[in-house]
């Protein structure tokens, strides 16, 4: 089959493309604007494969998206292109509205035009979203596919809006659509503004390890390779009109995550000063509106599509730390020119 992956130079998108090229016989067209978080070095291992193509394009360019979809004639569109950093959305919400809402609108229209002009019965529009659209959990309970939406940041509001657009295009125009909502991803090739790569790379460079507030906020962590396997299962076997939640079943406080990284580094790269990595932990001002807890109920995708995560938090984190240790060139390349100035505090001042 032929897959279009939007945002394929990003963290999850590149993992999806590597999976499709390495583990299947399908062809892939990567559509990416190459913003600060998009890096083609994440696809070096498959870039010369004849089944892979790349086009530098912005999903906010409606005419270009219509042209790309019509020319490539995909069986599946996996829509991952998005602005995704919550702190950035606090400072610059307009970028999130444009990319995540208007951009999704454009891709949906391109998909609809193509679908209505073809007899392709394999076609599916797969929208990749987040568990943040559901808001915040208390100490108990899990997000299910029936959980009401309660977005609490500009980022999650923009993703909730795009989810609703996808459902509307399915109901109104008969476009075959599926939606997935995932928990926090981690793994190799992740841009260092996100918690896990930021902590690893700061530790390498003997910099403070920032923890928001008291570090008690809880996230469910999903290895990006497990996520890619789940996304493929949904795109190829999911039922049109359905939503599937994807999680790693690894609930950890932010402080536990940072401590785990410190412990792993102690075993493979002790500090030259003989001090502990945990001594670098620094508690900083909390994020405004910081959701307390996310946790995913994965029973639907397990029951209906037979997917389960293969990585535990311990095995996945060990792999991740080792990968960053062995890929300093990539780390230096993506960090070049990247400012670690704290974002997302404008609303508090």
Foldseek 3Di string as FASTA:
>chain_A
DEEEEEPLQADLNVLLVCCCQVPHDAAYEYEYQPDLRGDCVSNVVCVPPPSYHYDNDALLPLVVLLVVCQVRVGLEYEYDDADADQLVCLVPLPRRLRRLASSLVSNLVSLLVSPVVDPRPSHEYEYEAALQQLFFDDPDDADDQPRDGDHDTSNSVSRNNSVVVQLCCCVPVVHFYEYEHEWAEDAPSHQLVDQQNVLLVCLVVVAAREAEDPQQAKTFYAYSNLVSVLSVLCSRPNGGSYYAYYTQRAIDGRVRSSVLSQVLCCVPPNDPVNDGSVVRYDYDHHAVSDHRYHHHDRVVCCVRRVGHGPDDPNRRSNNRSVVCVVPVVSVCVSCVVDDPPRGRCVVVD
